[in-house]
Each structure stands twice: as C-alpha cells, then as structure tokens.
PDB file of all heavy atoms in Angstrom:
ATOM      1  N   MET A   1       0.801  -1.231   0.004  1.00  0.00           N
ATOM      2  CA  MET A   1       0.008   0.002  -0.007  1.00  0.00           C
ATOM      3  C   MET A   1       0.865   1.262  -0.004  1.00  0.00           C
ATOM      4  O   MET A   1       0.292   2.349   0.094  1.00  0.00           O
ATOM      5  CB  MET A   1      -0.956   0.007   1.194  1.00  0.00           C
ATOM      6  CG  MET A   1      -1.912  -1.167   1.196  1.00  0.00           C
ATOM      7  SD  MET A   1      -3.236  -0.970   2.448  1.00  0.00           S
ATOM      8  CE  MET A   1      -3.776  -2.654   2.618  1.00  0.00           C
ATOM      9  N   ALA A   2       2.157   1.107  -0.058  1.00  0.00           N
ATOM     10  CA  ALA A   2       3.076   2.263  -0.033  1.00  0.00           C
ATOM     11  C   ALA A   2       2.762   3.199   1.105  1.00  0.00           C
ATOM     12  O   ALA A   2       2.700   4.427   0.993  1.00  0.00           O
ATOM     13  CB  ALA A   2       3.032   2.973  -1.372  1.00  0.00           C
ATOM     14  N   ARG A   3       2.570   2.615   2.268  1.00  0.00           N
ATOM     15  CA  ARG A   3       2.269   3.315   3.513  1.00  0.00           C
ATOM     16  C   ARG A   3       3.014   2.641   4.649  1.00  0.00           C
ATOM     17  O   ARG A   3       2.968   1.424   4.755  1.00  0.00           O
ATOM     18  CB  ARG A   3       0.747   3.300   3.772  1.00  0.00           C
ATOM     19  CG  ARG A   3       0.264   3.901   5.059  1.00  0.00           C
ATOM     20  CD  ARG A   3       0.358   5.405   5.111  1.00  0.00           C
ATOM     21  NE  ARG A   3      -0.348   6.054   3.978  1.00  0.00           N
ATOM     22  CZ  ARG A   3      -1.673   6.219   3.929  1.00  0.00           C
ATOM     23  NH1 ARG A   3      -2.450   5.837   4.875  1.00  0.00           N
ATOM     24  NH2 ARG A   3      -2.214   6.839   2.860  1.00  0.00           N
ATOM     25  N   ALA A   4       3.747   3.403   5.432  1.00  0.00           N
ATOM     26  CA  ALA A   4       4.564   2.842   6.466  1.00  0.00           C
ATOM     27  C   ALA A   4       3.718   2.435   7.674  1.00  0.00           C
ATOM     28  O   ALA A   4       3.707   3.109   8.746  1.00  0.00           O
ATOM     29  CB  ALA A   4       5.668   3.833   6.920  1.00  0.00           C
ATOM     30  N   PHE A   5       2.940   1.327   7.561  1.00  0.00           N
ATOM     31  CA  PHE A   5       2.130   0.863   8.655  1.00  0.00           C
ATOM     32  C   PHE A   5       2.999   0.351   9.806  1.00  0.00           C
ATOM     33  O   PHE A   5       4.062  -0.211   9.562  1.00  0.00           O
ATOM     34  CB  PHE A   5       1.197  -0.224   8.193  1.00  0.00           C
ATOM     35  CG  PHE A   5       0.088   0.187   7.310  1.00  0.00           C
ATOM     36  CD1 PHE A   5       0.073  -0.221   5.964  1.00  0.00           C
ATOM     37  CD2 PHE A   5      -0.933   0.997   7.755  1.00  0.00           C
ATOM     38  CE1 PHE A   5      -0.947   0.196   5.119  1.00  0.00           C
ATOM     39  CE2 PHE A   5      -1.965   1.423   6.923  1.00  0.00           C
ATOM     40  CZ  PHE A   5      -1.976   1.000   5.619  1.00  0.00           C
ATOM     41  N   GLU A   6       2.500   0.532  11.019  1.00  0.00           N
ATOM     42  CA  GLU A   6       3.121  -0.062  12.203  1.00  0.00           C
ATOM     43  C   GLU A   6       2.083  -0.903  12.919  1.00  0.00           C
ATOM     44  O   GLU A   6       1.104  -0.371  13.386  1.00  0.00           O
ATOM     45  CB  GLU A   6       3.719   1.004  13.109  1.00  0.00           C
ATOM     46  CG  GLU A   6       4.557   0.414  14.211  1.00  0.00           C
ATOM     47  CD  GLU A   6       5.401   1.428  14.973  1.00  0.00           C
ATOM     48  OE1 GLU A   6       5.481   2.572  14.484  1.00  0.00           O
ATOM     49  OE2 GLU A   6       5.962   1.106  15.999  1.00  0.00           O
ATOM     50  N   LEU A   7       2.333  -2.203  12.982  1.00  0.00           N
ATOM     51  CA  LEU A   7       1.398  -3.089  13.668  1.00  0.00           C
ATOM     52  C   LEU A   7       1.881  -3.304  15.109  1.00  0.00           C
ATOM     53  O   LEU A   7       2.991  -3.837  15.302  1.00  0.00           O
ATOM     54  CB  LEU A   7       1.331  -4.460  12.963  1.00  0.00           C
ATOM     55  CG  LEU A   7       0.938  -4.423  11.468  1.00  0.00           C
ATOM     56  CD1 LEU A   7       0.792  -5.832  10.938  1.00  0.00           C
ATOM     57  CD2 LEU A   7      -0.331  -3.642  11.211  1.00  0.00           C
ATOM     58  N   HIS A   8       1.110  -2.813  16.046  1.00  0.00           N
ATOM     59  CA  HIS A   8       1.466  -2.950  17.470  1.00  0.00           C
ATOM     60  C   HIS A   8       0.787  -4.153  18.075  1.00  0.00           C
ATOM     61  O   HIS A   8      -0.434  -4.333  17.941  1.00  0.00           O
ATOM     62  CB  HIS A   8       1.014  -1.660  18.214  1.00  0.00           C
ATOM     63  CG  HIS A   8       1.594  -0.429  17.669  1.00  0.00           C
ATOM     64  ND1 HIS A   8       2.802   0.119  18.137  1.00  0.00           N
ATOM     65  CD2 HIS A   8       1.154   0.446  16.735  1.00  0.00           C
ATOM     66  CE1 HIS A   8       3.039   1.230  17.544  1.00  0.00           C
ATOM     67  NE2 HIS A   8       2.090   1.476  16.634  1.00  0.00           N
ATOM     68  N   THR A   9       1.534  -4.939  18.834  1.00  0.00           N
ATOM     69  CA  THR A   9       0.974  -6.116  19.502  1.00  0.00           C
ATOM     70  C   THR A   9       1.447  -6.086  20.959  1.00  0.00           C
ATOM     71  O   THR A   9       2.358  -6.811  21.330  1.00  0.00           O
ATOM     72  CB  THR A   9       1.403  -7.439  18.806  1.00  0.00           C
ATOM     73  OG1 THR A   9       2.849  -7.421  18.689  1.00  0.00           O
ATOM     74  CG2 THR A   9       0.772  -7.579  17.448  1.00  0.00           C
ATOM     75  N   PRO A  10       0.834  -5.247  21.760  1.00  0.00           N
ATOM     76  CA  PRO A  10       1.350  -5.050  23.145  1.00  0.00           C
ATOM     77  C   PRO A  10       1.239  -6.267  24.061  1.00  0.00           C
ATOM     78  O   PRO A  10       1.890  -6.308  25.087  1.00  0.00           O
ATOM     79  CB  PRO A  10       0.455  -3.902  23.692  1.00  0.00           C
ATOM     80  CG  PRO A  10      -0.763  -3.891  22.815  1.00  0.00           C
ATOM     81  CD  PRO A  10      -0.282  -4.373  21.471  1.00  0.00           C
ATOM     82  N   LEU A  11       0.486  -7.291  23.641  1.00  0.00           N
ATOM     83  CA  LEU A  11       0.325  -8.508  24.472  1.00  0.00           C
ATOM     84  C   LEU A  11       1.201  -9.637  23.998  1.00  0.00           C
ATOM     85  O   LEU A  11       1.177 -10.716  24.596  1.00  0.00           O
ATOM     86  CB  LEU A  11      -1.118  -8.968  24.446  1.00  0.00           C
ATOM     87  CG  LEU A  11      -2.224  -7.908  24.762  1.00  0.00           C
ATOM     88  CD1 LEU A  11      -3.557  -8.617  24.821  1.00  0.00           C
ATOM     89  CD2 LEU A  11      -1.929  -7.154  26.034  1.00  0.00           C
ATOM     90  N   MET A  12       1.998  -9.418  22.945  1.00  0.00           N
ATOM     91  CA  MET A  12       2.716 -10.477  22.304  1.00  0.00           C
ATOM     92  C   MET A  12       3.538 -11.409  23.267  1.00  0.00           C
ATOM     93  O   MET A  12       3.494 -12.615  23.112  1.00  0.00           O
ATOM     94  CB  MET A  12       3.669  -9.931  21.201  1.00  0.00           C
ATOM     95  CG  MET A  12       4.404 -10.985  20.431  1.00  0.00           C
ATOM     96  SD  MET A  12       3.341 -12.227  19.570  1.00  0.00           S
ATOM     97  CE  MET A  12       2.664 -11.185  18.249  1.00  0.00           C
ATOM     98  N   TRP A  13       4.188 -10.785  24.202  1.00  0.00           N
ATOM     99  CA  TRP A  13       5.060 -11.575  25.090  1.00  0.00           C
ATOM    100  C   TRP A  13       4.491 -11.637  26.527  1.00  0.00           C
ATOM    101  O   TRP A  13       5.274 -11.916  27.447  1.00  0.00           O
ATOM    102  CB  TRP A  13       6.452 -10.980  25.069  1.00  0.00           C
ATOM    103  CG  TRP A  13       7.028 -10.852  23.677  1.00  0.00           C
ATOM    104  CD1 TRP A  13       7.346  -9.687  23.057  1.00  0.00           C
ATOM    105  CD2 TRP A  13       7.272 -11.898  22.758  1.00  0.00           C
ATOM    106  NE1 TRP A  13       7.769  -9.956  21.791  1.00  0.00           N
ATOM    107  CE2 TRP A  13       7.745 -11.308  21.566  1.00  0.00           C
ATOM    108  CE3 TRP A  13       7.168 -13.309  22.848  1.00  0.00           C
ATOM    109  CZ2 TRP A  13       8.103 -12.044  20.444  1.00  0.00           C
ATOM    110  CZ3 TRP A  13       7.511 -14.033  21.678  1.00  0.00           C
ATOM    111  CH2 TRP A  13       8.010 -13.432  20.533  1.00  0.00           C
ATOM    112  N   LEU A  14       3.220 -11.396  26.686  1.00  0.00           N
ATOM    113  CA  LEU A  14       2.601 -11.407  28.016  1.00  0.00           C
ATOM    114  C   LEU A  14       1.797 -12.702  28.225  1.00  0.00           C
ATOM    115  O   LEU A  14       1.112 -13.171  27.306  1.00  0.00           O
ATOM    116  CB  LEU A  14       1.666 -10.244  28.186  1.00  0.00           C
ATOM    117  CG  LEU A  14       2.244  -8.831  28.096  1.00  0.00           C
ATOM    118  CD1 LEU A  14       1.201  -7.780  28.415  1.00  0.00           C
ATOM    119  CD2 LEU A  14       3.462  -8.683  28.990  1.00  0.00           C
ATOM    120  N   SER A  15       1.882 -13.212  29.443  1.00  0.00           N
ATOM    121  CA  SER A  15       0.980 -14.310  29.822  1.00  0.00           C
ATOM    122  C   SER A  15      -0.413 -13.696  30.076  1.00  0.00           C
ATOM    123  O   SER A  15      -0.560 -12.456  30.167  1.00  0.00           O
ATOM    124  CB  SER A  15       1.476 -14.954  31.124  1.00  0.00           C
ATOM    125  OG  SER A  15       1.389 -14.042  32.207  1.00  0.00           O
ATOM    126  N   LYS A  16      -1.406 -14.546  30.228  1.00  0.00           N
ATOM    127  CA  LYS A  16      -2.760 -14.018  30.545  1.00  0.00           C
ATOM    128  C   LYS A  16      -2.757 -13.331  31.884  1.00  0.00           C
ATOM    129  O   LYS A  16      -3.479 -12.318  32.069  1.00  0.00           O
ATOM    130  CB  LYS A  16      -3.783 -15.147  30.483  1.00  0.00           C
ATOM    131  CG  LYS A  16      -4.365 -15.430  29.131  1.00  0.00           C
ATOM    132  CD  LYS A  16      -5.242 -14.262  28.668  1.00  0.00           C
ATOM    133  CE  LYS A  16      -5.932 -14.537  27.346  1.00  0.00           C
ATOM    134  NZ  LYS A  16      -4.963 -14.377  26.208  1.00  0.00           N
ATOM    135  N   ALA A  17      -1.966 -13.821  32.834  1.00  0.00           N
ATOM    136  CA  ALA A  17      -1.896 -13.153  34.144  1.00  0.00           C
ATOM    137  C   ALA A  17      -1.295 -11.752  33.979  1.00  0.00           C
ATOM    138  O   ALA A  17      -1.782 -10.773  34.563  1.00  0.00           O
ATOM    139  CB  ALA A  17      -1.048 -13.969  35.104  1.00  0.00           C
ATOM    140  N   ALA A  18      -0.291 -11.647  33.127  1.00  0.00           N
ATOM    141  CA  ALA A  18       0.336 -10.349  32.903  1.00  0.00           C
ATOM    142  C   ALA A  18      -0.618  -9.405  32.117  1.00  0.00           C
ATOM    143  O   ALA A  18      -0.555  -8.199  32.292  1.00  0.00           O
ATOM    144  CB  ALA A  18       1.628 -10.527  32.108  1.00  0.00           C
ATOM    145  N   THR A  19      -1.495  -9.984  31.316  1.00  0.00           N
ATOM    146  CA  THR A  19      -2.478  -9.165  30.616  1.00  0.00           C
ATOM    147  C   THR A  19      -3.461  -8.578  31.595  1.00  0.00           C
ATOM    148  O   THR A  19      -3.889  -7.380  31.483  1.00  0.00           O
ATOM    149  CB  THR A  19      -3.215  -9.983  29.553  1.00  0.00           C
ATOM    150  OG1 THR A  19      -2.262 -10.444  28.581  1.00  0.00           O
ATOM    151  CG2 THR A  19      -4.290  -9.191  28.820  1.00  0.00           C
ATOM    152  N   TRP A  20      -3.927  -9.341  32.594  1.00  0.00           N
ATOM    153  CA  TRP A  20      -4.779  -8.809  33.658  1.00  0.00           C
ATOM    154  C   TRP A  20      -4.020  -7.699  34.363  1.00  0.00           C
ATOM    155  O   TRP A  20      -4.576  -6.664  34.688  1.00  0.00           O
ATOM    156  CB  TRP A  20      -5.163  -9.914  34.663  1.00  0.00           C
ATOM    157  CG  TRP A  20      -6.228 -10.845  34.235  1.00  0.00           C
ATOM    158  CD1 TRP A  20      -6.117 -12.175  33.951  1.00  0.00           C
ATOM    159  CD2 TRP A  20      -7.625 -10.524  34.067  1.00  0.00           C
ATOM    160  NE1 TRP A  20      -7.342 -12.710  33.615  1.00  0.00           N
ATOM    161  CE2 TRP A  20      -8.257 -11.742  33.681  1.00  0.00           C
ATOM    162  CE3 TRP A  20      -8.363  -9.369  34.189  1.00  0.00           C
ATOM    163  CZ2 TRP A  20      -9.663 -11.782  33.425  1.00  0.00           C
ATOM    164  CZ3 TRP A  20      -9.717  -9.418  33.938  1.00  0.00           C
ATOM    165  CH2 TRP A  20     -10.369 -10.622  33.557  1.00  0.00           C
ATOM    166  N   GLN A  21      -2.734  -7.905  34.642  1.00  0.00           N
ATOM    167  CA  GLN A  21      -1.967  -6.919  35.371  1.00  0.00           C
ATOM    168  C   GLN A  21      -1.813  -5.640  34.541  1.00  0.00           C
ATOM    169  O   GLN A  21      -1.864  -4.525  35.059  1.00  0.00           O
ATOM    170  CB  GLN A  21      -0.593  -7.450  35.710  1.00  0.00           C
ATOM    171  CG  GLN A  21       0.316  -6.514  36.533  1.00  0.00           C
ATOM    172  CD  GLN A  21      -0.322  -6.159  37.856  1.00  0.00           C
ATOM    173  OE1 GLN A  21      -0.692  -7.028  38.643  1.00  0.00           O
ATOM    174  NE2 GLN A  21      -0.459  -4.852  38.163  1.00  0.00           N
ATOM    175  N   LEU A  22      -1.649  -5.781  33.224  1.00  0.00           N
ATOM    176  CA  LEU A  22      -1.537  -4.615  32.354  1.00  0.00           C
ATOM    177  C   LEU A  22      -2.812  -3.808  32.406  1.00  0.00           C
ATOM    178  O   LEU A  22      -2.757  -2.558  32.458  1.00  0.00           O
ATOM    179  CB  LEU A  22      -1.226  -5.045  30.923  1.00  0.00           C
ATOM    180  CG  LEU A  22      -1.183  -3.950  29.854  1.00  0.00           C
ATOM    181  CD1 LEU A  22      -0.136  -2.903  30.210  1.00  0.00           C
ATOM    182  CD2 LEU A  22      -0.986  -4.516  28.479  1.00  0.00           C
ATOM    183  N   ALA A  23      -3.952  -4.495  32.400  1.00  0.00           N
ATOM    184  CA  ALA A  23      -5.213  -3.769  32.499  1.00  0.00           C
ATOM    185  C   ALA A  23      -5.278  -2.995  33.802  1.00  0.00           C
ATOM    186  O   ALA A  23      -5.739  -1.833  33.802  1.00  0.00           O
ATOM    187  CB  ALA A  23      -6.393  -4.786  32.411  1.00  0.00           C
ATOM    188  N   HIS A  24      -4.807  -3.602  34.886  1.00  0.00           N
ATOM    189  CA  HIS A  24      -4.802  -2.876  36.179  1.00  0.00           C
ATOM    190  C   HIS A  24      -3.861  -1.699  36.144  1.00  0.00           C
ATOM    191  O   HIS A  24      -4.183  -0.595  36.617  1.00  0.00           O
ATOM    192  CB  HIS A  24      -4.416  -3.793  37.295  1.00  0.00           C
ATOM    193  CG  HIS A  24      -4.490  -3.210  38.659  1.00  0.00           C
ATOM    194  ND1 HIS A  24      -3.394  -2.595  39.268  1.00  0.00           N
ATOM    195  CD2 HIS A  24      -5.528  -3.058  39.543  1.00  0.00           C
ATOM    196  CE1 HIS A  24      -3.753  -2.098  40.423  1.00  0.00           C
ATOM    197  NE2 HIS A  24      -5.043  -2.384  40.624  1.00  0.00           N
ATOM    198  N   ASP A  25      -2.693  -1.906  35.505  1.00  0.00           N
ATOM    199  CA  ASP A  25      -1.743  -0.766  35.418  1.00  0.00           C
ATOM    200  C   ASP A  25      -2.303   0.395  34.634  1.00  0.00           C
ATOM    201  O   ASP A  25      -2.001   1.566  34.946  1.00  0.00           O
ATOM    202  CB  ASP A  25      -0.451  -1.283  34.757  1.00  0.00           C
ATOM    203  CG  ASP A  25       0.336  -2.296  35.640  1.00  0.00           C
ATOM    204  OD1 ASP A  25       0.010  -2.398  36.868  1.00  0.00           O
ATOM    205  OD2 ASP A  25       1.185  -2.999  35.074  1.00  0.00           O
TER     206      ASP A  25
END
C-alpha cells in the first residue's frame, strides 16, 4: 500500500496473568 504501517501487539510476550496486570496498570 506504499504506507509505512506499524502493527502494534502489546500483548505478544505477556501471559494471561500479565495481561490482567496490564489492564490494572
């Protein structure tokens, strides 16, 4: 598409427990 897209995956290296913690943070 000749557009510098950036795909963000903030949970990529988090466990589900860490995902709950991220929500709390």
